Each structure stands twice: as C-alpha cells, then as structure tokens.
Amino acid sequence: MSVNIYDRKDMRGGGYAKRKFTYEEAEKVRADYKTGKFTQHQLASTYRVSQSIINKILRFKTYVKV
C-alpha cells in the first residue's frame, strides 16, 4: 500500500515530511530579511538551505498559511 504524501503530517506541521521550516520560522526569515541586515545568501547559509528556498519564502511562493 502506498502512502499519499499529501495526507502525511510531520512534526513541523507543514503537511510534507521533508519541510525545512515551520510557518513561524518562515515568518522569521521574512522579518530578518526585511530589516536589511541580511542577504538571501546569508539567510540560506544560516538556515542551511538553498538561496532559492529563501527566495520562494520571501516571494510568498511557499510557507503561506491559507
């Protein structure tokens, strides 16, 4: 029997088992970037993810509560 990944929840509360952030952590990333003290690359290095993930968070393409 296969597992539907869309029904699977994880400890981060996102809905996918491989989520890197919680919604609250994504909001913190947005707030940190908004201060102007950090570049996307610096945030990516801090959170150990790619710059493209940070970019998607900042453009509200992912980690958006509906």
PDB file of N, CA and C in Angstrom:
ATOM      1  N   MET A   1       0.844  -1.179   0.000  1.00  0.00           N
ATOM      2  CA  MET A   1       0.000   0.000   0.000  1.00  0.00           C
ATOM      3  C   MET A   1       0.889   1.242   0.000  1.00  0.00           C
ATOM      4  N   SER A   2       0.633   2.159  -0.896  1.00  0.00           N
ATOM      5  CA  SER A   2       1.435   3.371  -0.955  1.00  0.00           C
ATOM      6  C   SER A   2       0.868   4.428  -0.013  1.00  0.00           C
ATOM      7  N   VAL A   3       1.748   5.335   0.379  1.00  0.00           N
ATOM      8  CA  VAL A   3       1.374   6.411   1.283  1.00  0.00           C
ATOM      9  C   VAL A   3       1.184   7.675   0.464  1.00  0.00           C
ATOM     10  N   ASN A   4       0.060   8.318   0.645  1.00  0.00           N
ATOM     11  CA  ASN A   4      -0.189   9.585  -0.025  1.00  0.00           C
ATOM     12  C   ASN A   4       0.553  10.673   0.738  1.00  0.00           C
ATOM     13  N   ILE A   5       1.565  11.279   0.093  1.00  0.00           N
ATOM     14  CA  ILE A   5       2.376  12.266   0.792  1.00  0.00           C
ATOM     15  C   ILE A   5       1.584  13.492   1.202  1.00  0.00           C
ATOM     16  N   TYR A   6       0.457  13.749   0.551  1.00  0.00           N
ATOM     17  CA  TYR A   6      -0.348  14.919   0.891  1.00  0.00           C
ATOM     18  C   TYR A   6      -1.152  14.701   2.164  1.00  0.00           C
ATOM     19  N   ASP A   7      -1.337  13.445   2.568  1.00  0.00           N
ATOM     20  CA  ASP A   7      -2.043  13.144   3.807  1.00  0.00           C
ATOM     21  C   ASP A   7      -1.094  13.016   4.988  1.00  0.00           C
ATOM     22  N   ARG A   8       0.176  12.949   4.710  1.00  0.00           N
ATOM     23  CA  ARG A   8       1.171  12.706   5.741  1.00  0.00           C
ATOM     24  C   ARG A   8       1.551  14.006   6.441  1.00  0.00           C
ATOM     25  N   LYS A   9       1.553  13.997   7.748  1.00  0.00           N
ATOM     26  CA  LYS A   9       1.933  15.165   8.537  1.00  0.00           C
ATOM     27  C   LYS A   9       3.249  14.882   9.243  1.00  0.00           C
ATOM     28  N   ASP A  10       3.982  15.897   9.524  1.00  0.00           N
ATOM     29  CA  ASP A  10       5.222  15.722  10.248  1.00  0.00           C
ATOM     30  C   ASP A  10       5.255  16.646  11.460  1.00  0.00           C
ATOM     31  N   MET A  11       6.333  16.599  12.204  1.00  0.00           N
ATOM     32  CA  MET A  11       6.447  17.388  13.423  1.00  0.00           C
ATOM     33  C   MET A  11       6.478  18.883  13.141  1.00  0.00           C
ATOM     34  N   ARG A  12       6.875  19.280  11.943  1.00  0.00           N
ATOM     35  CA  ARG A  12       6.945  20.698  11.617  1.00  0.00           C
ATOM     36  C   ARG A  12       5.567  21.270  11.304  1.00  0.00           C
ATOM     37  N   GLY A  13       4.584  20.420  11.117  1.00  0.00           N
ATOM     38  CA  GLY A  13       3.225  20.890  10.921  1.00  0.00           C
ATOM     39  C   GLY A  13       2.936  21.378   9.521  1.00  0.00           C
ATOM     40  N   GLY A  14       3.779  21.030   8.566  1.00  0.00           N
ATOM     41  CA  GLY A  14       3.611  21.561   7.232  1.00  0.00           C
ATOM     42  C   GLY A  14       2.757  20.740   6.311  1.00  0.00           C
ATOM     43  N   GLY A  15       2.710  19.449   6.476  1.00  0.00           N
ATOM     44  CA  GLY A  15       1.954  18.620   5.567  1.00  0.00           C
ATOM     45  C   GLY A  15       2.844  17.731   4.730  1.00  0.00           C
ATOM     46  N   TYR A  16       4.105  18.057   4.609  1.00  0.00           N
ATOM     47  CA  TYR A  16       5.065  17.233   3.902  1.00  0.00           C
ATOM     48  C   TYR A  16       6.161  16.854   4.876  1.00  0.00           C
ATOM     49  N   ALA A  17       6.621  15.643   4.808  1.00  0.00           N
ATOM     50  CA  ALA A  17       7.595  15.150   5.774  1.00  0.00           C
ATOM     51  C   ALA A  17       8.958  15.815   5.631  1.00  0.00           C
ATOM     52  N   LYS A  18       9.256  16.404   4.475  1.00  0.00           N
ATOM     53  CA  LYS A  18      10.586  16.956   4.255  1.00  0.00           C
ATOM     54  C   LYS A  18      10.631  18.474   4.381  1.00  0.00           C
ATOM     55  N   ARG A  19       9.654  19.072   4.985  1.00  0.00           N
ATOM     56  CA  ARG A  19       9.664  20.521   5.168  1.00  0.00           C
ATOM     57  C   ARG A  19      10.841  20.930   6.022  1.00  0.00           C
ATOM     58  N   LYS A  20      11.463  22.053   5.650  1.00  0.00           N
ATOM     59  CA  LYS A  20      12.622  22.548   6.387  1.00  0.00           C
ATOM     60  C   LYS A  20      12.239  23.549   7.464  1.00  0.00           C
ATOM     61  N   PHE A  21      11.090  24.189   7.308  1.00  0.00           N
ATOM     62  CA  PHE A  21      10.680  25.250   8.213  1.00  0.00           C
ATOM     63  C   PHE A  21       9.262  25.018   8.714  1.00  0.00           C
ATOM     64  N   THR A  22       8.967  25.617   9.851  1.00  0.00           N
ATOM     65  CA  THR A  22       7.575  25.773  10.252  1.00  0.00           C
ATOM     66  C   THR A  22       7.112  27.099   9.656  1.00  0.00           C
ATOM     67  N   TYR A  23       5.831  27.363   9.709  1.00  0.00           N
ATOM     68  CA  TYR A  23       5.330  28.643   9.209  1.00  0.00           C
ATOM     69  C   TYR A  23       5.900  29.803  10.029  1.00  0.00           C
ATOM     70  N   GLU A  24       6.071  29.586  11.318  1.00  0.00           N
ATOM     71  CA  GLU A  24       6.612  30.632  12.188  1.00  0.00           C
ATOM     72  C   GLU A  24       8.067  30.931  11.837  1.00  0.00           C
ATOM     73  N   GLU A  25       8.844  29.891  11.532  1.00  0.00           N
ATOM     74  CA  GLU A  25      10.237  30.093  11.142  1.00  0.00           C
ATOM     75  C   GLU A  25      10.329  30.838   9.812  1.00  0.00           C
ATOM     76  N   ALA A  26       9.418  30.540   8.899  1.00  0.00           N
ATOM     77  CA  ALA A  26       9.398  31.238   7.609  1.00  0.00           C
ATOM     78  C   ALA A  26       9.080  32.722   7.821  1.00  0.00           C
ATOM     79  N   GLU A  27       8.185  33.028   8.741  1.00  0.00           N
ATOM     80  CA  GLU A  27       7.888  34.426   9.059  1.00  0.00           C
ATOM     81  C   GLU A  27       9.114  35.119   9.648  1.00  0.00           C
ATOM     82  N   LYS A  28       9.895  34.397  10.436  1.00  0.00           N
ATOM     83  CA  LYS A  28      11.130  34.954  10.997  1.00  0.00           C
ATOM     84  C   LYS A  28      12.130  35.248   9.882  1.00  0.00           C
ATOM     85  N   VAL A  29      12.224  34.361   8.897  1.00  0.00           N
ATOM     86  CA  VAL A  29      13.101  34.598   7.750  1.00  0.00           C
ATOM     87  C   VAL A  29      12.684  35.886   7.043  1.00  0.00           C
ATOM     88  N   ARG A  30      11.382  36.048   6.821  1.00  0.00           N
ATOM     89  CA  ARG A  30      10.879  37.266   6.166  1.00  0.00           C
ATOM     90  C   ARG A  30      11.197  38.510   6.989  1.00  0.00           C
ATOM     91  N   ALA A  31      11.026  38.410   8.299  1.00  0.00           N
ATOM     92  CA  ALA A  31      11.300  39.560   9.175  1.00  0.00           C
ATOM     93  C   ALA A  31      12.789  39.893   9.178  1.00  0.00           C
ATOM     94  N   ASP A  32      13.630  38.883   9.225  1.00  0.00           N
ATOM     95  CA  ASP A  32      15.080  39.110   9.202  1.00  0.00           C
ATOM     96  C   ASP A  32      15.494  39.794   7.907  1.00  0.00           C
ATOM     97  N   TYR A  33      14.947  39.344   6.805  1.00  0.00           N
ATOM     98  CA  TYR A  33      15.307  39.925   5.508  1.00  0.00           C
ATOM     99  C   TYR A  33      14.820  41.364   5.401  1.00  0.00           C
ATOM    100  N   LYS A  34      13.655  41.616   5.967  1.00  0.00           N
ATOM    101  CA  LYS A  34      13.058  42.948   5.889  1.00  0.00           C
ATOM    102  C   LYS A  34      13.881  44.002   6.630  1.00  0.00           C
ATOM    103  N   THR A  35      14.658  43.578   7.621  1.00  0.00           N
ATOM    104  CA  THR A  35      15.497  44.526   8.357  1.00  0.00           C
ATOM    105  C   THR A  35      16.602  45.105   7.481  1.00  0.00           C
ATOM    106  N   GLY A  36      16.955  44.408   6.421  1.00  0.00           N
ATOM    107  CA  GLY A  36      18.012  44.869   5.531  1.00  0.00           C
ATOM    108  C   GLY A  36      19.410  44.481   5.976  1.00  0.00           C
ATOM    109  N   LYS A  37      19.504  43.755   7.063  1.00  0.00           N
ATOM    110  CA  LYS A  37      20.808  43.365   7.589  1.00  0.00           C
ATOM    111  C   LYS A  37      21.351  42.081   6.962  1.00  0.00           C
ATOM    112  N   PHE A  38      20.485  41.327   6.289  1.00  0.00           N
ATOM    113  CA  PHE A  38      20.873  40.032   5.755  1.00  0.00           C
ATOM    114  C   PHE A  38      20.545  39.943   4.269  1.00  0.00           C
ATOM    115  N   THR A  39      21.430  39.276   3.536  1.00  0.00           N
ATOM    116  CA  THR A  39      21.128  38.965   2.139  1.00  0.00           C
ATOM    117  C   THR A  39      20.455  37.591   2.103  1.00  0.00           C
ATOM    118  N   GLN A  40      19.910  37.253   0.954  1.00  0.00           N
ATOM    119  CA  GLN A  40      19.299  35.933   0.807  1.00  0.00           C
ATOM    120  C   GLN A  40      20.341  34.835   1.001  1.00  0.00           C
ATOM    121  N   HIS A  41      21.541  35.064   0.505  1.00  0.00           N
ATOM    122  CA  HIS A  41      22.599  34.062   0.652  1.00  0.00           C
ATOM    123  C   HIS A  41      23.008  33.880   2.113  1.00  0.00           C
ATOM    124  N   GLN A  42      23.046  34.966   2.866  1.00  0.00           N
ATOM    125  CA  GLN A  42      23.381  34.858   4.290  1.00  0.00           C
ATOM    126  C   GLN A  42      22.303  34.086   5.045  1.00  0.00           C
ATOM    127  N   LEU A  43      21.040  34.360   4.738  1.00  0.00           N
ATOM    128  CA  LEU A  43      19.950  33.630   5.389  1.00  0.00           C
ATOM    129  C   LEU A  43      19.983  32.154   5.013  1.00  0.00           C
ATOM    130  N   ALA A  44      20.269  31.871   3.751  1.00  0.00           N
ATOM    131  CA  ALA A  44      20.353  30.483   3.303  1.00  0.00           C
ATOM    132  C   ALA A  44      21.459  29.742   4.051  1.00  0.00           C
ATOM    133  N   SER A  45      22.571  30.403   4.223  1.00  0.00           N
ATOM    134  CA  SER A  45      23.691  29.797   4.950  1.00  0.00           C
ATOM    135  C   SER A  45      23.329  29.585   6.417  1.00  0.00           C
ATOM    136  N   THR A  46      22.674  30.552   7.019  1.00  0.00           N
ATOM    137  CA  THR A  46      22.271  30.457   8.418  1.00  0.00           C
ATOM    138  C   THR A  46      21.311  29.296   8.652  1.00  0.00           C
ATOM    139  N   TYR A  47      20.327  29.157   7.764  1.00  0.00           N
ATOM    140  CA  TYR A  47      19.305  28.123   7.927  1.00  0.00           C
ATOM    141  C   TYR A  47      19.645  26.817   7.218  1.00  0.00           C
ATOM    142  N   ARG A  48      20.810  26.789   6.561  1.00  0.00           N
ATOM    143  CA  ARG A  48      21.296  25.591   5.867  1.00  0.00           C
ATOM    144  C   ARG A  48      20.323  25.081   4.814  1.00  0.00           C
ATOM    145  N   VAL A  49      19.845  26.005   3.998  1.00  0.00           N
ATOM    146  CA  VAL A  49      19.013  25.677   2.850  1.00  0.00           C
ATOM    147  C   VAL A  49      19.564  26.433   1.650  1.00  0.00           C
ATOM    148  N   SER A  50      18.995  26.186   0.491  1.00  0.00           N
ATOM    149  CA  SER A  50      19.467  26.890  -0.697  1.00  0.00           C
ATOM    150  C   SER A  50      18.882  28.299  -0.746  1.00  0.00           C
ATOM    151  N   GLN A  51      19.538  29.148  -1.511  1.00  0.00           N
ATOM    152  CA  GLN A  51      19.072  30.519  -1.679  1.00  0.00           C
ATOM    153  C   GLN A  51      17.713  30.527  -2.373  1.00  0.00           C
ATOM    154  N   SER A  52      17.469  29.559  -3.246  1.00  0.00           N
ATOM    155  CA  SER A  52      16.185  29.534  -3.953  1.00  0.00           C
ATOM    156  C   SER A  52      15.021  29.276  -2.995  1.00  0.00           C
ATOM    157  N   ILE A  53      15.239  28.497  -1.950  1.00  0.00           N
ATOM    158  CA  ILE A  53      14.190  28.273  -0.935  1.00  0.00           C
ATOM    159  C   ILE A  53      13.891  29.582  -0.217  1.00  0.00           C
ATOM    160  N   ILE A  54      14.937  30.307   0.158  1.00  0.00           N
ATOM    161  CA  ILE A  54      14.756  31.597   0.822  1.00  0.00           C
ATOM    162  C   ILE A  54      13.996  32.540  -0.098  1.00  0.00           C
ATOM    163  N   ASN A  55      14.353  32.563  -1.370  1.00  0.00           N
ATOM    164  CA  ASN A  55      13.682  33.420  -2.334  1.00  0.00           C
ATOM    165  C   ASN A  55      12.199  33.086  -2.442  1.00  0.00           C
ATOM    166  N   LYS A  56      11.853  31.815  -2.467  1.00  0.00           N
ATOM    167  CA  LYS A  56      10.440  31.399  -2.545  1.00  0.00           C
ATOM    168  C   LYS A  56       9.677  31.807  -1.289  1.00  0.00           C
ATOM    169  N   ILE A  57      10.339  31.715  -0.140  1.00  0.00           N
ATOM    170  CA  ILE A  57       9.702  32.151   1.108  1.00  0.00           C
ATOM    171  C   ILE A  57       9.437  33.647   1.058  1.00  0.00           C
ATOM    172  N   LEU A  58      10.423  34.411   0.611  1.00  0.00           N
ATOM    173  CA  LEU A  58      10.289  35.876   0.584  1.00  0.00           C
ATOM    174  C   LEU A  58       9.248  36.344  -0.427  1.00  0.00           C
ATOM    175  N   ARG A  59       9.056  35.592  -1.508  1.00  0.00           N
ATOM    176  CA  ARG A  59       8.057  35.960  -2.518  1.00  0.00           C
ATOM    177  C   ARG A  59       6.692  35.328  -2.236  1.00  0.00           C
ATOM    178  N   PHE A  60       6.550  34.691  -1.062  1.00  0.00           N
ATOM    179  CA  PHE A  60       5.303  34.068  -0.637  1.00  0.00           C
ATOM    180  C   PHE A  60       4.844  32.992  -1.620  1.00  0.00           C
ATOM    181  N   LYS A  61       5.819  32.270  -2.207  1.00  0.00           N
ATOM    182  CA  LYS A  61       5.501  31.149  -3.085  1.00  0.00           C
ATOM    183  C   LYS A  61       5.358  29.856  -2.296  1.00  0.00           C
ATOM    184  N   THR A  62       5.915  29.851  -1.094  1.00  0.00           N
ATOM    185  CA  THR A  62       5.822  28.692  -0.220  1.00  0.00           C
ATOM    186  C   THR A  62       5.734  29.162   1.224  1.00  0.00           C
ATOM    187  N   TYR A  63       5.317  28.281   2.103  1.00  0.00           N
ATOM    188  CA  TYR A  63       5.138  28.586   3.528  1.00  0.00           C
ATOM    189  C   TYR A  63       4.195  29.770   3.734  1.00  0.00           C
ATOM    190  N   VAL A  64       3.031  29.660   3.130  1.00  0.00           N
ATOM    191  CA  VAL A  64       1.999  30.672   3.275  1.00  0.00           C
ATOM    192  C   VAL A  64       0.771  29.998   3.878  1.00  0.00           C
ATOM    193  N   LYS A  65       0.314  30.512   4.979  1.00  0.00           N
ATOM    194  CA  LYS A  65      -0.905  29.968   5.577  1.00  0.00           C
ATOM    195  C   LYS A  65      -2.110  30.467   4.790  1.00  0.00           C
ATOM    196  N   VAL A  66      -2.954  29.546   4.469  1.00  0.00           N
ATOM    197  CA  VAL A  66      -4.133  29.909   3.679  1.00  0.00           C
ATOM    198  C   VAL A  66      -5.337  30.088   4.568  1.00  0.00           C
TER     199      VAL A  66
END
